N, C-alpha and C. Protein backbone atom coordinates (compact mmCIF):
# COMPACT_ATOMS: atom_id res chain seq x y z
N UNK A 1 24.21 7.48 -12.49
CA UNK A 1 24.64 7.65 -10.92
C UNK A 1 23.79 7.53 -10.10
N UNK A 2 23.91 7.06 -9.11
CA UNK A 2 22.86 6.59 -8.32
C UNK A 2 21.86 8.09 -7.66
N UNK A 3 21.21 8.00 -7.33
CA UNK A 3 20.29 8.82 -6.46
C UNK A 3 21.21 9.21 -5.97
N UNK A 4 21.40 10.56 -5.24
CA UNK A 4 22.06 11.23 -4.21
C UNK A 4 20.84 12.35 -3.00
N UNK A 5 19.40 11.55 -3.06
CA UNK A 5 18.59 12.39 -2.45
C UNK A 5 17.94 11.31 -1.25
N UNK A 6 17.26 11.86 0.24
CA UNK A 6 16.90 10.10 0.84
C UNK A 6 14.87 11.35 0.52
N UNK A 7 14.20 10.20 1.00
CA UNK A 7 12.81 10.31 0.59
C UNK A 7 12.45 10.53 3.04
N UNK A 8 12.18 11.75 2.88
CA UNK A 8 11.50 11.36 4.46
C UNK A 8 9.79 11.59 4.51
N UNK A 9 9.31 10.88 5.80
CA UNK A 9 8.17 10.50 5.54
C UNK A 9 7.62 10.42 7.16
N UNK A 10 6.41 10.94 6.95
CA UNK A 10 5.83 10.55 9.00
C UNK A 10 4.55 9.69 8.92
N UNK A 11 4.77 8.65 8.99
CA UNK A 11 3.63 7.55 9.44
C UNK A 11 2.74 8.86 10.82
N UNK A 12 1.56 9.59 10.14
CA UNK A 12 0.40 10.21 11.07
C UNK A 12 -0.33 9.63 11.62
N UNK A 13 -0.14 8.49 11.81
CA UNK A 13 -0.63 7.52 12.48
C UNK A 13 -0.52 7.37 13.52
N UNK A 14 1.39 6.65 13.93
CA UNK A 14 1.99 6.37 14.71
C UNK A 14 3.02 7.39 15.57
N UNK A 15 2.80 9.16 14.72
CA UNK A 15 3.19 10.19 15.31
C UNK A 15 2.77 10.45 16.42
N UNK A 16 2.87 10.79 17.43
CA UNK A 16 2.05 10.64 18.82
C UNK A 16 2.90 12.15 18.85
N UNK A 17 3.19 12.97 18.24
CA UNK A 17 3.42 14.73 18.96
C UNK A 17 4.50 14.90 19.31
N UNK A 18 5.60 14.17 19.95
CA UNK A 18 6.26 14.62 20.60
C UNK A 18 7.07 15.68 20.53
N UNK A 19 7.13 16.51 19.03
CA UNK A 19 8.83 16.92 18.80
C UNK A 19 9.75 16.69 18.28
N UNK A 20 10.40 15.93 18.98
CA UNK A 20 11.64 15.81 19.05
C UNK A 20 12.16 15.19 17.74
N UNK A 21 11.51 15.13 16.18
CA UNK A 21 12.25 15.67 15.24
C UNK A 21 12.23 17.04 14.80
N UNK A 22 11.25 17.91 15.35
CA UNK A 22 11.43 19.38 15.08
C UNK A 22 12.74 19.68 15.82
N UNK A 23 12.85 19.31 16.87
CA UNK A 23 14.11 19.28 17.60
C UNK A 23 15.31 19.16 17.17
N UNK A 24 15.45 17.99 16.96
CA UNK A 24 16.20 17.11 16.38
C UNK A 24 16.99 17.92 14.85
N UNK A 25 15.81 17.60 14.27
CA UNK A 25 15.79 18.10 12.49
C UNK A 25 15.05 19.82 12.23
N UNK A 26 15.31 20.57 12.81
CA UNK A 26 14.11 21.40 12.63
C UNK A 26 13.87 22.81 10.74
N UNK A 27 15.05 22.06 10.31
CA UNK A 27 14.95 22.55 9.22
C UNK A 27 14.39 21.40 8.40
N UNK A 28 14.30 20.57 8.85
CA UNK A 28 13.37 19.44 8.45
C UNK A 28 11.96 18.61 8.94
N UNK A 29 12.22 19.54 9.44
CA UNK A 29 10.10 18.64 10.08
C UNK A 29 9.76 19.89 10.91
N UNK A 30 8.69 19.45 10.99
CA UNK A 30 7.39 20.91 11.97
C UNK A 30 6.76 19.89 12.51
N UNK A 31 5.57 21.00 13.66
CA UNK A 31 4.76 19.61 13.91
C UNK A 31 3.80 20.83 13.72
N UNK A 32 2.36 20.30 13.65
CA UNK A 32 1.53 21.34 12.99
C UNK A 32 -0.21 20.31 13.44
N UNK A 33 -0.86 21.09 14.40
CA UNK A 33 -2.02 19.66 14.26
C UNK A 33 -1.80 18.73 14.91
N UNK A 34 -0.89 18.84 16.16
CA UNK A 34 -0.38 17.84 16.75
C UNK A 34 0.74 17.00 16.16
N UNK A 35 0.80 16.83 15.32
CA UNK A 35 1.89 15.89 14.39
C UNK A 35 2.73 16.39 13.57
N UNK A 36 3.82 15.21 13.92
CA UNK A 36 5.12 15.80 12.59
C UNK A 36 4.56 15.89 11.39
N UNK A 37 5.69 16.54 9.97
CA UNK A 37 4.72 16.91 9.01
C UNK A 37 6.68 17.69 8.44
N UNK A 38 6.97 16.08 7.36
CA UNK A 38 8.47 16.71 6.93
C UNK A 38 8.41 18.13 5.82
N UNK A 39 8.90 18.82 5.77
CA UNK A 39 9.11 19.84 5.33
C UNK A 39 9.68 19.84 4.55
N UNK A 40 10.26 18.65 3.18
CA UNK A 40 10.42 18.61 2.20
C UNK A 40 10.44 16.97 1.96
N UNK A 41 9.80 16.07 1.09
CA UNK A 41 9.55 15.59 0.67
C UNK A 41 10.54 14.24 0.25
N UNK A 42 11.70 15.38 -0.34
CA UNK A 42 13.50 14.70 -1.41
C UNK A 42 14.49 15.64 -0.57
N UNK A 43 14.96 15.14 0.95
CA UNK A 43 16.83 15.91 1.19
C UNK A 43 17.34 15.64 0.64
N UNK A 44 18.88 16.36 0.76
CA UNK A 44 20.60 16.04 0.57
C UNK A 44 20.25 15.00 2.26
N UNK A 45 20.86 14.33 1.79
CA UNK A 45 22.04 13.07 2.84
C UNK A 45 22.13 14.17 3.35
N UNK A 46 21.46 13.92 5.48
CA UNK A 46 22.12 14.54 6.68
C UNK A 46 22.35 13.95 7.95
N UNK A 47 22.80 13.49 8.64
CA UNK A 47 23.16 12.52 9.92
C UNK A 47 21.63 13.28 10.75
N UNK A 48 21.57 13.94 10.82
CA UNK A 48 20.55 13.66 12.06
C UNK A 48 19.42 13.81 11.35
N UNK A 49 18.86 13.53 10.56
CA UNK A 49 17.49 12.91 9.25
C UNK A 49 17.84 10.79 10.26
N UNK A 50 19.38 10.59 10.02
CA UNK A 50 19.53 8.93 11.22
C UNK A 50 18.96 9.41 12.71
N UNK A 51 19.43 10.20 13.30
CA UNK A 51 19.03 10.61 14.88
C UNK A 51 17.53 10.36 15.07
N UNK A 52 16.87 11.19 13.72
CA UNK A 52 15.29 10.87 13.77
C UNK A 52 14.92 9.90 14.33
N UNK A 53 15.38 9.44 13.21
CA UNK A 53 14.98 7.67 12.92
C UNK A 53 15.11 7.29 14.39
N UNK A 54 16.34 6.98 14.88
CA UNK A 54 15.82 6.12 16.06
C UNK A 54 15.95 7.30 16.91
N UNK A 55 15.26 8.32 17.04
CA UNK A 55 14.85 9.01 18.68
C UNK A 55 13.49 9.14 18.88
N UNK A 56 13.11 8.73 17.57
CA UNK A 56 11.23 9.46 17.90
C UNK A 56 10.76 8.09 18.21
N UNK A 57 9.75 8.00 19.30
CA UNK A 57 9.69 7.87 19.87
C UNK A 57 7.94 6.58 19.50
N UNK A 58 7.33 7.76 18.53
CA UNK A 58 6.70 6.60 17.89
C UNK A 58 7.03 6.17 16.84
N UNK A 59 8.28 5.39 16.29
CA UNK A 59 8.53 5.21 15.58
C UNK A 59 8.20 5.33 13.81
N UNK A 60 7.62 7.15 14.07
CA UNK A 60 6.87 7.72 12.95
C UNK A 60 7.59 7.69 12.05
N UNK A 61 8.76 8.01 12.10
CA UNK A 61 10.03 8.38 10.72
C UNK A 61 10.35 8.04 9.93
N UNK A 62 10.15 8.08 8.86
CA UNK A 62 10.96 7.13 7.30
C UNK A 62 11.31 7.79 6.59
N UNK A 63 12.69 7.25 6.52
CA UNK A 63 13.52 7.94 5.97
C UNK A 63 14.98 6.62 4.82
N UNK A 64 14.49 6.89 3.60
CA UNK A 64 14.78 5.99 2.49
C UNK A 64 16.17 6.73 1.94
N UNK A 65 16.78 5.80 1.11
CA UNK A 65 18.05 6.37 0.45
C UNK A 65 17.55 6.62 -1.38
N UNK A 66 18.62 6.54 -1.66
CA UNK A 66 18.05 7.26 -3.14
C UNK A 66 17.06 5.87 -3.80
N UNK A 67 17.97 4.15 -3.71
CA UNK A 67 16.56 3.79 -4.30
C UNK A 67 15.80 2.77 -3.35
N UNK A 68 15.59 3.64 -2.23
CA UNK A 68 14.35 3.07 -1.46
C UNK A 68 14.53 2.31 -0.18
N UNK A 69 15.78 2.43 0.03
CA UNK A 69 15.79 1.26 1.15
C UNK A 69 16.31 2.73 3.05
N UNK A 70 15.64 1.89 4.21
CA UNK A 70 15.36 1.70 5.22
C UNK A 70 17.19 2.68 5.52
N UNK A 71 17.24 4.31 5.61
CA UNK A 71 17.72 4.82 6.86
C UNK A 71 18.05 4.84 7.72
N UNK A 72 19.14 3.61 8.19
CA UNK A 72 18.97 3.77 10.05
C UNK A 72 19.84 3.88 10.69
């Protein structure tokens, strides 16, 4: 059976601290010290994470599916 969780990362060097991720998916992201960070590394798949990947102005959010492929 395939892993049904996604991995969430933030490239803190690419993050510009806009807070879009925390606004779109507040259960999954917080902004601390001017940069985003995921609240958990592994999460159940949710559509809001796809939205964050697309909307992040710094392209800093990386979400991967259970086999390691980028979620877009």
